[in-house]
Amino acid sequence: MIDVASAVVYLHFGHSTPIIHCDLKSSSVLLDNNIVAHLSDFGMAKLLLGEDQSLTQTQTLATTGFYGREGHASTNGDVYNFRIMIMETFSGKKLTDEIFHGEMTL
């Protein structure tokens, strides 16, 4: 997970124009022969331009179905999806599993 976190930090802060992955999920992470994680699937990635550093979308932002609370593409949305990915990895449960309904909903 540290490798994925480092990749997300690089996308958001590694150069003058931040990049939003927009589709961060466990299937977007590939492991090499040394079990080093690499982020992939940049088909929905967006460049953030302008002062507010956010992007309004009229189409689907992610295939995961999980979005940041802002309702638009932003670096916070990637962080939100990363948190969901960590929760799913360590709990062994998907956010759509029955356990996360009712009072245990995110």
N, C-alpha and C. Protein backbone atom coordinates (compact mmCIF):
# COMPACT_ATOMS: atom_id res chain seq x y z
N MET A 1 0.81 -1.20 0.00
CA MET A 1 0.00 0.00 0.00
C MET A 1 0.85 1.27 0.00
N ILE A 2 2.06 1.16 0.55
CA ILE A 2 2.94 2.34 0.57
C ILE A 2 3.32 2.73 -0.86
N ASP A 3 3.53 1.72 -1.71
CA ASP A 3 3.87 2.01 -3.11
C ASP A 3 2.73 2.77 -3.80
N VAL A 4 1.50 2.35 -3.54
CA VAL A 4 0.34 3.01 -4.15
C VAL A 4 0.20 4.43 -3.60
N ALA A 5 0.36 4.57 -2.29
CA ALA A 5 0.29 5.91 -1.68
C ALA A 5 1.34 6.83 -2.27
N SER A 6 2.55 6.32 -2.47
CA SER A 6 3.62 7.13 -3.07
C SER A 6 3.27 7.54 -4.49
N ALA A 7 2.66 6.64 -5.24
CA ALA A 7 2.25 6.96 -6.62
C ALA A 7 1.18 8.05 -6.62
N VAL A 8 0.22 7.96 -5.71
CA VAL A 8 -0.84 8.97 -5.64
C VAL A 8 -0.26 10.33 -5.24
N VAL A 9 0.65 10.33 -4.27
CA VAL A 9 1.30 11.59 -3.87
C VAL A 9 2.05 12.18 -5.06
N TYR A 10 2.74 11.36 -5.83
CA TYR A 10 3.46 11.86 -7.00
C TYR A 10 2.49 12.46 -8.02
N LEU A 11 1.38 11.78 -8.28
CA LEU A 11 0.40 12.31 -9.23
C LEU A 11 -0.14 13.67 -8.78
N HIS A 12 -0.39 13.81 -7.50
CA HIS A 12 -1.00 15.03 -6.98
C HIS A 12 -0.01 16.17 -6.75
N PHE A 13 1.24 15.84 -6.39
CA PHE A 13 2.20 16.87 -5.99
C PHE A 13 3.55 16.80 -6.70
N GLY A 14 3.75 15.83 -7.58
CA GLY A 14 5.06 15.59 -8.18
C GLY A 14 5.45 16.54 -9.30
N HIS A 15 4.53 17.36 -9.77
CA HIS A 15 4.82 18.31 -10.85
C HIS A 15 3.83 19.45 -10.78
N SER A 16 4.01 20.44 -11.61
CA SER A 16 3.22 21.67 -11.50
C SER A 16 1.73 21.48 -11.82
N THR A 17 1.38 20.52 -12.64
CA THR A 17 -0.02 20.26 -12.97
C THR A 17 -0.44 18.94 -12.33
N PRO A 18 -1.24 18.99 -11.26
CA PRO A 18 -1.67 17.75 -10.60
C PRO A 18 -2.48 16.86 -11.54
N ILE A 19 -2.38 15.57 -11.34
CA ILE A 19 -3.14 14.59 -12.10
C ILE A 19 -4.06 13.85 -11.13
N ILE A 20 -5.33 13.71 -11.52
CA ILE A 20 -6.28 12.92 -10.73
C ILE A 20 -6.44 11.58 -11.44
N HIS A 21 -6.27 10.50 -10.73
CA HIS A 21 -6.42 9.17 -11.32
C HIS A 21 -7.88 8.90 -11.70
N CYS A 22 -8.82 9.27 -10.84
CA CYS A 22 -10.27 9.15 -11.05
C CYS A 22 -10.82 7.72 -11.02
N ASP A 23 -9.98 6.72 -10.91
CA ASP A 23 -10.48 5.34 -10.92
C ASP A 23 -9.59 4.44 -10.08
N LEU A 24 -9.19 4.94 -8.93
CA LEU A 24 -8.30 4.19 -8.05
C LEU A 24 -9.06 3.05 -7.39
N LYS A 25 -8.59 1.84 -7.62
CA LYS A 25 -9.20 0.63 -7.05
C LYS A 25 -8.16 -0.47 -7.07
N SER A 26 -8.43 -1.55 -6.37
CA SER A 26 -7.42 -2.61 -6.25
C SER A 26 -7.03 -3.21 -7.60
N SER A 27 -7.95 -3.29 -8.54
CA SER A 27 -7.60 -3.86 -9.85
C SER A 27 -6.75 -2.90 -10.69
N SER A 28 -6.55 -1.67 -10.22
CA SER A 28 -5.67 -0.71 -10.90
C SER A 28 -4.24 -0.80 -10.38
N VAL A 29 -4.00 -1.75 -9.48
CA VAL A 29 -2.66 -1.92 -8.90
C VAL A 29 -2.07 -3.22 -9.42
N LEU A 30 -0.89 -3.12 -10.01
CA LEU A 30 -0.18 -4.29 -10.53
C LEU A 30 1.06 -4.54 -9.69
N LEU A 31 1.39 -5.81 -9.46
CA LEU A 31 2.60 -6.17 -8.72
C LEU A 31 3.64 -6.73 -9.67
N ASP A 32 4.89 -6.29 -9.51
CA ASP A 32 5.96 -6.84 -10.34
C ASP A 32 6.55 -8.08 -9.66
N ASN A 33 7.63 -8.63 -10.22
CA ASN A 33 8.24 -9.85 -9.69
C ASN A 33 8.77 -9.69 -8.28
N ASN A 34 9.06 -8.47 -7.87
CA ASN A 34 9.56 -8.21 -6.52
C ASN A 34 8.45 -7.77 -5.57
N ILE A 35 7.21 -7.96 -5.98
CA ILE A 35 6.03 -7.58 -5.20
C ILE A 35 6.00 -6.08 -4.92
N VAL A 36 6.48 -5.30 -5.85
CA VAL A 36 6.38 -3.84 -5.77
C VAL A 36 5.12 -3.44 -6.54
N ALA A 37 4.29 -2.64 -5.90
CA ALA A 37 3.02 -2.23 -6.52
C ALA A 37 3.24 -1.06 -7.48
N HIS A 38 2.53 -1.12 -8.61
CA HIS A 38 2.57 -0.06 -9.62
C HIS A 38 1.14 0.31 -9.97
N LEU A 39 0.86 1.60 -10.02
CA LEU A 39 -0.47 2.08 -10.34
C LEU A 39 -0.67 2.05 -11.86
N SER A 40 -1.82 1.57 -12.31
CA SER A 40 -2.11 1.47 -13.74
C SER A 40 -3.51 2.01 -14.02
N ASP A 41 -3.98 1.80 -15.23
CA ASP A 41 -5.33 2.16 -15.65
C ASP A 41 -5.59 3.67 -15.54
N PHE A 42 -4.88 4.42 -16.36
CA PHE A 42 -5.01 5.88 -16.36
C PHE A 42 -6.00 6.37 -17.41
N GLY A 43 -6.90 5.51 -17.87
CA GLY A 43 -7.85 5.88 -18.90
C GLY A 43 -8.81 7.00 -18.52
N MET A 44 -9.06 7.16 -17.23
CA MET A 44 -9.97 8.22 -16.77
C MET A 44 -9.23 9.36 -16.09
N ALA A 45 -7.91 9.32 -16.09
CA ALA A 45 -7.11 10.35 -15.41
C ALA A 45 -7.36 11.72 -16.02
N LYS A 46 -7.29 12.73 -15.16
CA LYS A 46 -7.53 14.12 -15.58
C LYS A 46 -6.42 15.01 -15.06
N LEU A 47 -6.06 16.03 -15.84
CA LEU A 47 -5.14 17.06 -15.39
C LEU A 47 -5.93 18.16 -14.72
N LEU A 48 -5.43 18.67 -13.60
CA LEU A 48 -6.11 19.77 -12.91
C LEU A 48 -5.50 21.08 -13.35
N LEU A 49 -6.31 21.91 -13.96
CA LEU A 49 -5.86 23.21 -14.43
C LEU A 49 -6.69 24.29 -13.75
N GLY A 50 -6.11 25.42 -13.51
CA GLY A 50 -6.85 26.53 -12.92
C GLY A 50 -6.61 26.67 -11.44
N GLU A 51 -7.23 27.70 -10.87
CA GLU A 51 -6.99 28.05 -9.49
C GLU A 51 -7.66 27.13 -8.48
N ASP A 52 -8.87 26.65 -8.78
CA ASP A 52 -9.59 25.87 -7.77
C ASP A 52 -9.14 24.42 -7.71
N GLN A 53 -8.33 23.97 -8.66
CA GLN A 53 -7.78 22.62 -8.67
C GLN A 53 -8.86 21.54 -8.57
N SER A 54 -9.98 21.78 -9.21
CA SER A 54 -11.03 20.77 -9.28
C SER A 54 -11.58 20.75 -10.69
N LEU A 55 -12.31 19.71 -11.01
CA LEU A 55 -12.81 19.51 -12.36
C LEU A 55 -14.24 19.02 -12.26
N THR A 56 -15.16 19.73 -12.89
CA THR A 56 -16.55 19.30 -12.90
C THR A 56 -16.74 18.33 -14.06
N GLN A 57 -17.35 17.19 -13.78
CA GLN A 57 -17.57 16.17 -14.79
C GLN A 57 -19.07 16.00 -15.02
N THR A 58 -19.43 15.72 -16.24
CA THR A 58 -20.83 15.41 -16.53
C THR A 58 -21.01 13.93 -16.78
N GLN A 59 -19.94 13.18 -16.86
CA GLN A 59 -20.05 11.75 -17.07
C GLN A 59 -19.47 11.01 -15.87
N THR A 60 -19.53 9.70 -15.89
CA THR A 60 -19.06 8.88 -14.78
C THR A 60 -17.59 9.16 -14.50
N LEU A 61 -17.28 9.36 -13.22
CA LEU A 61 -15.90 9.66 -12.82
C LEU A 61 -15.08 8.41 -12.58
N ALA A 62 -15.71 7.35 -12.15
CA ALA A 62 -14.96 6.16 -11.78
C ALA A 62 -15.81 4.92 -11.99
N THR A 63 -15.15 3.80 -12.20
CA THR A 63 -15.89 2.56 -12.35
C THR A 63 -16.13 1.90 -11.01
N THR A 64 -15.49 2.38 -9.95
CA THR A 64 -15.66 1.79 -8.62
C THR A 64 -17.02 2.11 -8.03
N GLY A 65 -17.60 3.22 -8.41
CA GLY A 65 -18.85 3.65 -7.81
C GLY A 65 -18.66 4.44 -6.53
N PHE A 66 -17.41 4.70 -6.15
CA PHE A 66 -17.12 5.44 -4.93
C PHE A 66 -16.52 6.78 -5.31
N TYR A 67 -17.09 7.84 -4.81
CA TYR A 67 -16.64 9.18 -5.14
C TYR A 67 -16.37 9.94 -3.86
N GLY A 68 -15.53 10.94 -3.94
CA GLY A 68 -15.34 11.82 -2.81
C GLY A 68 -16.62 12.59 -2.54
N ARG A 69 -16.71 13.14 -1.37
CA ARG A 69 -17.93 13.83 -0.95
C ARG A 69 -18.22 15.09 -1.75
N GLU A 70 -17.22 15.63 -2.45
CA GLU A 70 -17.42 16.87 -3.20
C GLU A 70 -18.34 16.70 -4.40
N GLY A 71 -18.41 15.49 -4.96
CA GLY A 71 -19.24 15.25 -6.12
C GLY A 71 -18.58 15.65 -7.43
N HIS A 72 -17.31 16.03 -7.39
CA HIS A 72 -16.58 16.34 -8.61
C HIS A 72 -15.16 15.78 -8.48
N ALA A 73 -14.49 15.67 -9.61
CA ALA A 73 -13.14 15.12 -9.61
C ALA A 73 -12.19 16.05 -8.88
N SER A 74 -11.46 15.50 -7.93
CA SER A 74 -10.47 16.27 -7.20
C SER A 74 -9.46 15.29 -6.60
N THR A 75 -8.38 15.83 -6.10
CA THR A 75 -7.40 14.97 -5.44
C THR A 75 -8.03 14.30 -4.22
N ASN A 76 -8.98 14.96 -3.58
CA ASN A 76 -9.67 14.36 -2.43
C ASN A 76 -10.42 13.09 -2.82
N GLY A 77 -10.95 13.04 -4.03
CA GLY A 77 -11.64 11.85 -4.51
C GLY A 77 -10.69 10.67 -4.62
N ASP A 78 -9.46 10.91 -5.11
CA ASP A 78 -8.46 9.85 -5.16
C ASP A 78 -8.11 9.36 -3.76
N VAL A 79 -7.97 10.29 -2.82
CA VAL A 79 -7.65 9.91 -1.44
C VAL A 79 -8.79 9.09 -0.85
N TYR A 80 -10.02 9.49 -1.11
CA TYR A 80 -11.19 8.74 -0.63
C TYR A 80 -11.16 7.31 -1.18
N ASN A 81 -10.94 7.17 -2.49
CA ASN A 81 -10.89 5.84 -3.08
C ASN A 81 -9.72 5.02 -2.55
N PHE A 82 -8.59 5.67 -2.25
CA PHE A 82 -7.46 4.97 -1.65
C PHE A 82 -7.84 4.43 -0.27
N ARG A 83 -8.57 5.22 0.50
CA ARG A 83 -9.01 4.77 1.82
C ARG A 83 -9.96 3.57 1.70
N ILE A 84 -10.85 3.60 0.72
CA ILE A 84 -11.75 2.47 0.48
C ILE A 84 -10.93 1.23 0.11
N MET A 85 -9.92 1.41 -0.75
CA MET A 85 -9.07 0.30 -1.17
C MET A 85 -8.34 -0.31 0.03
N ILE A 86 -7.83 0.52 0.93
CA ILE A 86 -7.16 0.02 2.14
C ILE A 86 -8.14 -0.77 2.99
N MET A 87 -9.33 -0.22 3.20
CA MET A 87 -10.34 -0.89 4.01
C MET A 87 -10.69 -2.26 3.42
N GLU A 88 -10.88 -2.32 2.11
CA GLU A 88 -11.22 -3.58 1.46
C GLU A 88 -10.06 -4.57 1.54
N THR A 89 -8.84 -4.09 1.39
CA THR A 89 -7.67 -4.97 1.43
C THR A 89 -7.50 -5.60 2.80
N PHE A 90 -7.59 -4.81 3.84
CA PHE A 90 -7.32 -5.33 5.18
C PHE A 90 -8.52 -6.01 5.83
N SER A 91 -9.73 -5.70 5.39
CA SER A 91 -10.90 -6.37 5.97
C SER A 91 -11.27 -7.62 5.19
N GLY A 92 -10.82 -7.68 3.92
CA GLY A 92 -11.21 -8.80 3.08
C GLY A 92 -12.64 -8.69 2.58
N LYS A 93 -13.26 -7.55 2.80
CA LYS A 93 -14.65 -7.32 2.40
C LYS A 93 -14.71 -6.21 1.36
N LYS A 94 -15.69 -6.29 0.50
CA LYS A 94 -15.95 -5.21 -0.46
C LYS A 94 -16.93 -4.23 0.17
N LEU A 95 -16.84 -2.98 -0.23
CA LEU A 95 -17.73 -1.96 0.31
C LEU A 95 -19.20 -2.28 0.01
N THR A 96 -19.43 -3.08 -1.01
CA THR A 96 -20.80 -3.44 -1.37
C THR A 96 -21.32 -4.64 -0.59
N ASP A 97 -20.47 -5.28 0.24
CA ASP A 97 -20.90 -6.42 1.05
C ASP A 97 -21.96 -6.00 2.06
N GLU A 98 -22.76 -6.96 2.46
CA GLU A 98 -23.88 -6.71 3.36
C GLU A 98 -23.46 -6.10 4.70
N ILE A 99 -22.26 -6.38 5.16
CA ILE A 99 -21.79 -5.87 6.44
C ILE A 99 -21.77 -4.34 6.48
N PHE A 100 -21.62 -3.70 5.33
CA PHE A 100 -21.50 -2.24 5.27
C PHE A 100 -22.83 -1.53 5.01
N HIS A 101 -23.93 -2.17 5.32
CA HIS A 101 -25.24 -1.53 5.19
C HIS A 101 -25.75 -1.16 6.58
N GLY A 102 -26.67 -0.25 6.64
CA GLY A 102 -27.23 0.15 7.93
C GLY A 102 -26.27 1.05 8.69
N GLU A 103 -26.00 0.70 9.94
CA GLU A 103 -25.17 1.55 10.79
C GLU A 103 -23.69 1.50 10.44
N MET A 104 -23.24 0.47 9.73
CA MET A 104 -21.83 0.36 9.39
C MET A 104 -21.50 0.93 8.02
N THR A 105 -22.40 1.69 7.46
CA THR A 105 -22.16 2.26 6.14
C THR A 105 -21.11 3.36 6.19
N LEU A 106 -20.38 3.52 5.11
CA LEU A 106 -19.41 4.60 5.02
C LEU A 106 -20.07 5.82 4.45
